[in-house]
Protein backbone atom coordinates (compact mmCIF):
# COMPACT_ATOMS: atom_id res chain seq x y z
CA UNK A 1 60.87 100.33 18.61
CA UNK A 2 63.13 97.30 18.86
CA UNK A 3 64.76 95.82 15.77
CA UNK A 4 62.97 92.49 16.34
CA UNK A 5 59.56 94.12 16.72
CA UNK A 6 60.02 96.24 13.59
CA UNK A 7 61.21 93.22 11.66
CA UNK A 8 58.20 91.22 12.79
CA UNK A 9 55.78 93.87 11.59
CA UNK A 10 57.58 94.25 8.28
CA UNK A 11 57.46 90.52 7.60
CA UNK A 12 53.78 90.47 8.50
CA UNK A 13 53.06 93.29 6.05
CA UNK A 14 55.09 91.51 3.35
CA UNK A 15 53.04 88.36 3.85
CA UNK A 16 49.77 90.32 3.64
CA UNK A 17 50.87 91.98 0.41
CA UNK A 18 52.12 88.79 -1.25
CA UNK A 19 49.30 86.46 -0.29
CA UNK A 20 46.29 88.79 0.03
CA UNK A 21 45.32 87.75 3.54
CA UNK A 22 41.85 88.97 4.50
CA UNK A 23 42.09 88.60 8.26
CA UNK A 24 42.82 91.93 9.91
CA UNK A 25 45.61 92.22 12.46
CA UNK A 26 46.29 95.18 14.73
CA UNK A 27 49.72 95.00 16.36
CA UNK A 28 50.27 97.29 19.34
CA UNK A 29 53.33 99.15 18.14
CA UNK A 30 54.24 102.72 17.26
CA UNK A 31 51.87 104.22 14.68
CA UNK A 32 54.36 106.73 13.29
CA UNK A 33 56.76 104.17 11.81
CA UNK A 34 56.75 103.90 8.02
CA UNK A 35 58.87 101.02 6.78
CA UNK A 36 59.95 100.45 3.18
CA UNK A 37 59.10 96.93 2.02
CA UNK A 38 60.88 95.46 -1.02
CA UNK A 39 59.86 92.43 -3.07
CA UNK A 40 61.63 91.46 -6.29
CA UNK A 41 63.69 88.90 -8.12
CA UNK A 42 65.88 88.14 -11.10
CA UNK A 43 66.12 84.64 -12.56
CA UNK A 44 67.79 82.87 -15.46
CA UNK A 45 64.46 83.03 -17.33
CA UNK A 46 63.76 85.76 -19.83
CA UNK A 47 62.69 89.08 -18.27
CA UNK A 48 61.52 91.71 -17.73
CA UNK A 49 62.06 91.45 -13.98
CA UNK A 50 59.91 93.14 -11.38
CA UNK A 51 60.53 94.98 -8.12
CA UNK A 52 57.65 96.08 -5.91
CA UNK A 53 58.09 98.85 -3.36
CA UNK A 54 55.55 99.85 -0.76
CA UNK A 55 55.44 101.38 2.67
CA UNK A 56 53.62 100.48 5.84
CA UNK A 57 51.02 103.07 6.69
CA UNK A 58 49.24 103.94 9.95
CA UNK A 59 49.68 100.83 12.07
CA UNK A 60 46.68 101.66 14.26
CA UNK A 61 44.38 101.34 11.25
CA UNK A 62 43.54 98.00 9.61
CA UNK A 63 46.64 96.88 7.73
CA UNK A 64 47.21 99.36 4.97
CA UNK A 65 49.89 99.55 2.33
CA UNK A 66 51.02 102.57 0.35
CA UNK A 67 52.96 102.11 -2.90
CA UNK A 68 56.39 103.76 -2.91
CA UNK A 69 56.25 105.85 -6.05
CA UNK A 70 58.97 107.79 -7.85
CA UNK A 71 61.93 105.63 -6.85
CA UNK A 72 65.07 105.12 -8.92
CA UNK A 73 66.16 101.46 -9.09
CA UNK A 74 69.25 99.99 -10.74
CA UNK A 75 70.44 96.39 -10.95
CA UNK A 76 74.07 95.25 -11.19
CA UNK A 77 75.98 92.01 -11.67
CA UNK A 78 79.51 91.00 -10.68
CA UNK A 79 80.74 91.43 -14.28
CA UNK A 80 80.06 95.14 -14.37
CA UNK A 81 76.75 94.95 -16.25
CA UNK A 82 73.79 97.04 -15.13
CA UNK A 83 70.25 98.00 -16.03
CA UNK A 84 67.59 100.42 -14.80
CA UNK A 85 63.97 99.97 -13.75
CA UNK A 86 61.00 102.14 -14.66
CA UNK A 87 57.75 102.49 -12.74
CA UNK A 88 54.98 100.83 -14.76
CA UNK A 89 52.24 101.31 -12.15
CA UNK A 90 52.28 102.77 -8.61
CA UNK A 91 55.02 101.02 -6.67
CA UNK A 92 55.70 98.43 -9.39
CA UNK A 93 58.93 98.67 -11.41
CA UNK A 94 60.25 96.68 -14.39
CA UNK A 95 63.72 96.70 -15.90
CA UNK A 96 64.26 98.41 -19.24
CA UNK A 97 66.54 96.07 -21.19
CA UNK A 98 64.91 92.87 -22.39
CA UNK A 99 68.25 91.13 -22.99
CA UNK A 100 69.48 91.73 -19.43
CA UNK A 101 69.13 88.21 -18.06
CA UNK A 102 70.24 86.34 -14.97
CA UNK A 103 73.02 83.78 -15.44
CA UNK A 104 73.73 80.84 -13.16
CA UNK A 105 76.90 81.46 -11.13
CA UNK A 106 76.74 85.26 -11.34
CA UNK A 107 75.77 87.55 -8.49
CA UNK A 108 73.19 90.35 -8.65
CA UNK A 109 72.03 93.19 -6.45
CA UNK A 110 69.88 96.29 -6.66
CA UNK A 111 70.25 99.86 -5.47
CA UNK A 112 67.19 101.95 -4.62
CA UNK A 113 66.79 105.68 -4.12
CA UNK A 114 63.34 106.78 -3.01
CA UNK A 115 61.75 110.09 -3.94
CA UNK A 116 62.82 111.61 -0.61
CA UNK A 117 66.48 110.84 -1.36
CA UNK A 118 66.89 107.83 0.94
CA UNK A 119 69.06 105.00 -0.38
CA UNK A 120 68.91 101.25 0.05
CA UNK A 121 70.71 98.31 -1.50
CA UNK A 122 70.55 94.53 -1.47
CA UNK A 123 73.53 92.34 -0.68
CA UNK A 124 74.81 90.43 -3.74
CA UNK A 125 73.16 87.08 -4.29
CA UNK A 126 74.43 84.35 -6.62
CA UNK A 127 72.05 82.50 -8.93
CA UNK A 128 72.15 78.84 -7.94
CA UNK A 129 72.37 75.81 -10.27
CA UNK A 130 69.08 74.80 -11.85
CA UNK A 131 66.71 72.25 -10.39
CA UNK A 132 64.36 71.07 -13.14
CA UNK A 133 60.77 69.93 -12.76
CA UNK A 134 60.39 66.44 -14.22
CA UNK A 135 56.65 65.92 -13.95
CA UNK A 136 53.44 67.00 -12.22
CA UNK A 137 50.81 64.52 -11.10
CA UNK A 138 47.79 64.21 -8.85
CA UNK A 139 46.92 61.50 -6.34
CA UNK A 140 43.62 60.87 -4.61
CA UNK A 141 44.15 61.04 -0.87
CA UNK A 142 42.69 61.96 2.52
CA UNK A 143 43.98 64.61 4.88
CA UNK A 144 43.14 64.80 8.55
CA UNK A 145 41.64 68.06 9.78
CA UNK A 146 41.96 69.78 13.14
CA UNK A 147 38.67 68.23 14.28
CA UNK A 148 40.02 64.74 13.60
CA UNK A 149 37.85 64.17 10.54
CA UNK A 150 39.26 63.25 7.15
CA UNK A 151 38.85 65.37 4.06
CA UNK A 152 39.01 63.63 0.70
CA UNK A 153 40.59 65.23 -2.33
CA UNK A 154 43.42 65.28 -4.84
CA UNK A 155 46.95 66.27 -3.84
CA UNK A 156 49.14 67.52 -6.68
CA UNK A 157 52.85 66.77 -6.53
CA UNK A 158 55.94 67.35 -8.60
CA UNK A 159 59.24 65.53 -9.01
CA UNK A 160 62.43 67.45 -9.76
CA UNK A 161 66.17 66.94 -10.08
CA UNK A 162 69.39 68.92 -10.34
CA UNK A 163 71.37 68.07 -13.51
CA UNK A 164 74.55 69.34 -11.81
CA UNK A 165 73.67 67.60 -8.53
CA UNK A 166 74.23 70.92 -6.74
CA UNK A 167 70.80 72.40 -6.05
CA UNK A 168 70.02 72.31 -2.33
CA UNK A 169 67.36 74.84 -1.38
CA UNK A 170 64.03 75.05 -3.17
CA UNK A 171 61.03 77.33 -3.17
CA UNK A 172 57.98 76.98 -5.40
CA UNK A 173 54.70 78.65 -6.22
CA UNK A 174 51.85 77.95 -8.59
CA UNK A 175 49.17 79.54 -10.75
CA UNK A 176 45.95 77.71 -11.40
CA UNK A 177 43.03 78.16 -13.76
CA UNK A 178 39.85 76.17 -14.12
CA UNK A 179 36.67 75.98 -16.12
CA UNK A 180 33.52 76.97 -14.25
CA UNK A 181 30.05 75.88 -15.38
CA UNK A 182 27.11 77.68 -13.82
CA UNK A 183 25.12 74.86 -12.21
CA UNK A 184 21.71 76.44 -12.94
CA UNK A 185 20.35 77.62 -16.28
CA UNK A 186 18.36 80.83 -15.96
CA UNK A 187 19.77 83.76 -18.02
CA UNK A 188 20.40 86.87 -15.98
CA UNK A 189 22.14 89.13 -18.52
CA UNK A 190 21.64 90.09 -22.16
CA UNK A 191 24.60 87.93 -23.08
CA UNK A 192 24.35 85.01 -20.68
CA UNK A 193 27.23 82.64 -20.16
CA UNK A 194 27.21 79.32 -18.39
CA UNK A 195 30.94 78.69 -18.91
CA UNK A 196 33.60 80.96 -17.42
CA UNK A 197 37.29 80.70 -16.54
CA UNK A 198 38.80 81.45 -13.16
CA UNK A 199 42.40 82.10 -12.11
CA UNK A 200 44.19 81.96 -8.81
CA UNK A 201 47.72 82.41 -7.43
CA UNK A 202 49.25 80.27 -4.69
CA UNK A 203 48.51 81.66 -1.25
CA UNK A 204 51.06 79.70 0.73
CA UNK A 205 54.84 79.47 1.01
CA UNK A 206 56.47 76.19 -0.02
CA UNK A 207 60.17 75.58 0.66
CA UNK A 208 62.41 72.52 0.92
CA UNK A 209 65.87 71.88 2.34
CA UNK A 210 67.66 69.24 0.25
CA UNK A 211 71.10 69.52 1.82
CA UNK A 212 70.89 66.05 3.37
CA UNK A 213 70.32 64.36 0.03
CA UNK A 214 73.53 63.25 -1.65
CA UNK A 215 71.68 62.74 -4.93
CA UNK A 216 69.68 65.84 -5.77
CA UNK A 217 66.49 64.12 -6.87
CA UNK A 218 63.40 65.47 -5.17
CA UNK A 219 60.26 63.35 -5.20
CA UNK A 220 56.69 63.97 -4.12
CA UNK A 221 56.93 67.69 -3.46
CA UNK A 222 53.41 68.78 -2.53
CA UNK A 223 52.05 71.78 -4.42
CA UNK A 224 48.26 71.91 -4.17
CA UNK A 225 45.38 70.11 -2.45
CA UNK A 226 41.85 70.26 -3.91
CA UNK A 227 39.14 68.70 -1.78
CA UNK A 228 36.05 66.96 -3.11
CA UNK A 229 33.81 69.84 -1.98
CA UNK A 230 35.41 72.07 -4.61
CA UNK A 231 34.39 72.27 -8.27
CA UNK A 232 37.82 72.94 -9.81
CA UNK A 233 38.30 69.42 -11.19
CA UNK A 234 34.84 68.89 -12.65
CA UNK A 235 36.00 70.04 -16.07
CA UNK A 236 39.42 71.25 -17.23
CA UNK A 237 41.99 72.34 -14.65
CA UNK A 238 45.33 74.01 -15.45
CA UNK A 239 48.32 74.04 -13.09
CA UNK A 240 51.45 76.14 -13.74
CA UNK A 241 54.32 75.58 -11.27
CA UNK A 242 57.50 77.64 -10.91
CA UNK A 243 60.35 76.01 -8.98
CA UNK A 244 63.18 78.25 -7.76
CA UNK A 245 66.65 77.10 -6.76
CA UNK A 246 67.60 79.61 -4.08
CA UNK A 247 70.47 80.53 -1.76
CA UNK A 248 70.62 79.39 1.90
CA UNK A 249 69.84 82.92 3.09
CA UNK A 250 66.88 83.17 0.74
CA UNK A 251 65.57 79.82 1.98
CA UNK A 252 65.91 80.93 5.59
CA UNK A 253 64.02 84.17 4.94
CA UNK A 254 61.07 82.36 3.35
CA UNK A 255 61.12 79.63 5.99
CA UNK A 256 60.73 82.23 8.73
CA UNK A 257 58.01 84.01 6.77
CA UNK A 258 56.24 80.67 6.35
CA UNK A 259 56.29 80.10 10.09
CA UNK A 260 54.99 83.58 10.81
CA UNK A 261 51.94 82.92 8.63
CA UNK A 262 51.21 79.29 9.46
CA UNK A 263 52.14 79.00 13.13
CA UNK A 264 49.13 78.91 15.44
CA UNK A 265 50.90 80.68 18.27
CA UNK A 266 51.57 84.38 18.76
CA UNK A 267 53.34 86.02 15.87
CA UNK A 268 55.93 87.64 18.16
CA UNK A 269 56.86 84.19 19.44
CA UNK A 270 57.85 82.78 16.05
CA UNK A 271 60.02 85.55 14.58
CA UNK A 272 63.64 85.27 15.75
CA UNK A 273 65.83 88.34 15.50
CA UNK A 274 67.98 86.83 12.70
CA UNK A 275 65.05 86.47 10.28
CA UNK A 276 66.29 89.27 8.05
CA UNK A 277 66.04 89.89 4.34
CA UNK A 278 68.93 91.07 2.19
CA UNK A 279 67.93 94.74 1.82
CA UNK A 280 69.94 97.26 3.83
CA UNK A 281 69.45 101.02 4.36
CA UNK A 282 72.44 103.20 3.64
CA UNK A 283 71.46 105.24 6.70
CA UNK A 284 71.18 103.15 9.87
CA UNK A 285 68.28 105.35 11.03
CA UNK A 286 66.06 104.11 8.20
CA UNK A 287 64.10 100.86 8.28
CA UNK A 288 63.52 98.38 5.47
CA UNK A 289 62.28 94.80 5.13
CA UNK A 290 62.09 92.43 2.19
CA UNK A 291 64.18 90.49 -0.25
CA UNK A 292 65.63 90.85 -3.72
CA UNK A 293 66.04 87.28 -4.92
CA UNK A 294 68.50 85.95 -7.50
CA UNK A 295 67.61 82.39 -8.43
CA UNK A 296 67.31 79.91 -11.24
CA UNK A 297 63.82 78.79 -12.16
CA UNK A 298 62.14 75.84 -13.82
CA UNK A 299 58.49 75.93 -14.90
CA UNK A 300 56.02 73.29 -16.00
CA UNK A 301 52.38 73.54 -17.05
CA UNK A 302 49.87 70.74 -17.21
CA UNK A 303 46.13 70.20 -17.69
CA UNK A 304 44.00 67.82 -15.65
CA UNK A 305 40.33 66.91 -15.80
CA UNK A 306 37.73 64.82 -14.02
CA UNK A 307 38.67 61.92 -16.33
CA UNK A 308 42.05 61.67 -14.58
CA UNK A 309 40.50 60.68 -11.26
CA UNK A 310 37.95 58.21 -9.93
CA UNK A 311 36.79 60.63 -7.25
CA UNK A 312 33.59 62.64 -7.67
CA UNK A 313 33.59 66.35 -6.89
CA UNK A 314 30.85 68.74 -5.82
CA UNK A 315 28.51 69.77 -8.61
CA UNK A 316 27.77 73.13 -7.03
CA UNK A 317 30.11 75.24 -4.87
CA UNK A 318 29.19 76.47 -1.41
CA UNK A 319 28.69 79.99 -2.74
CA UNK A 320 25.70 78.68 -4.72
CA UNK A 321 23.84 77.36 -1.70
CA UNK A 322 20.45 78.90 -1.00
CA UNK A 323 20.26 81.30 1.92
CA UNK A 324 17.32 83.05 3.61
CA UNK A 325 16.50 86.76 3.73
CA UNK A 326 13.99 88.13 6.23
CA UNK A 327 11.50 90.15 4.16
CA UNK A 328 10.60 92.34 7.14
CA UNK A 329 14.22 93.44 7.47
CA UNK A 330 15.22 93.86 3.82
CA UNK A 331 13.97 93.10 0.35
CA UNK A 332 16.11 90.87 -1.88
CA UNK A 333 18.13 92.83 -4.44
CA UNK A 334 17.37 90.91 -7.63
CA UNK A 335 20.28 92.54 -9.41
CA UNK A 336 22.50 90.36 -7.21
CA UNK A 337 20.34 87.38 -6.23
CA UNK A 338 17.71 85.09 -7.72
CA UNK A 339 14.63 84.32 -5.62
CA UNK A 340 14.33 80.55 -5.58
CA UNK A 341 11.24 80.37 -3.36
CA UNK A 342 9.36 82.20 -0.63
CA UNK A 343 7.98 80.95 2.65
CA UNK A 344 5.52 82.65 5.00
CA UNK A 345 6.25 82.22 8.70
CA UNK A 346 3.54 84.01 10.63
CA UNK A 347 3.44 87.58 9.37
CA UNK A 348 6.98 87.41 7.97
CA UNK A 349 7.85 86.44 4.41
CA UNK A 350 11.19 84.68 4.06
CA UNK A 351 12.94 84.74 0.72
CA UNK A 352 15.27 81.90 -0.16
CA UNK A 353 17.77 83.21 -2.68
CA UNK A 354 20.85 82.19 -4.63
CA UNK A 355 23.52 84.43 -6.15
CA UNK A 356 22.90 85.39 -9.77
CA UNK A 357 26.40 84.27 -10.75
CA UNK A 358 25.27 80.70 -10.10
CA UNK A 359 22.91 81.06 -13.07
CA UNK A 360 24.95 83.31 -15.30
CA UNK A 361 28.65 83.10 -14.40
CA UNK A 362 29.76 86.30 -16.14
CA UNK A 363 28.21 88.23 -13.26
CA UNK A 364 31.48 87.57 -11.50
CA UNK A 365 33.90 85.69 -13.80
CA UNK A 366 35.28 86.03 -17.30
CA UNK A 367 33.67 83.99 -20.10
CA UNK A 368 36.72 84.56 -22.29
CA UNK A 369 38.75 81.42 -22.78
CA UNK A 370 42.45 82.00 -21.89
CA UNK A 371 44.90 81.81 -24.79
CA UNK A 372 46.62 78.77 -23.25
CA UNK A 373 43.36 76.81 -22.94
CA UNK A 374 42.87 73.77 -25.25
């Protein structure tokens, strides 16, 4: 298998693992290749820091990922300090020393030895000067869709700046949480709940090249779009953004990964041969893909609600729409759905049902209010 083809598949697997893609993809490449994939970082924020190791499995099956268990991982800096990682769950490792912390201007790398004795290491990467988030805000807007129609919603942005005027390359991600109210009031459990709390992680890659800006002030960086068909902004909505100041190589890696996910063309057409991470095998016969990132980070959290916007949002989500079930084919399972009404069409009885979670949200979501909630 060519280096480019192997690299392409590794990046694809990394993107599936990081962003939980549900669309299956079946590349026509050798099925006996098992590639180590590495994902981890150290920042100037308090640890512990995490490294995830997994391996590609049988490529002829739907994309499958096996955790790499039993590895030995160590981290080093350019001042002679080091720390070790322990496996806290299959394929997930955290460092042992809580006071081992990334420092701006220092370089860090990891060394990995898998359970079969194979060794890998990352090239040293220097933590870049901080770029600090100044504020987060939402603006009502319209976005044009592929069909030419406009979709109304709220776009969330952030502004940031570099106190040292040195930060050039940025990457950011978000966590979101929102309050869900079941739109219909018919108890379905012994302890019914009409209010639950949902959480979600960003499922896209966001990067920015600020090298052309002489003054390192970054305005209007888009983070999240919520359209008016969603219910997330009907009550309280929580947005937690992490902004990383990264190296040029790190930026390039994520930029290529972004293109491989978002480009509408063939995946093999958008992965150039130089789209490599910073993990290297000690034996040239081994294969590895991924990145161990050393970066500074700035975080900001903020709540929003319907009162912050003039726009009206959907009262009920699409998942709570009624849908028909042919009674001659199957009977509705009332442990999962509520029968709203029935309709006889000839000799066939049609059941119009709605998911039980639309009446009692703890069928699917947690009614426990998060500790950070007001």
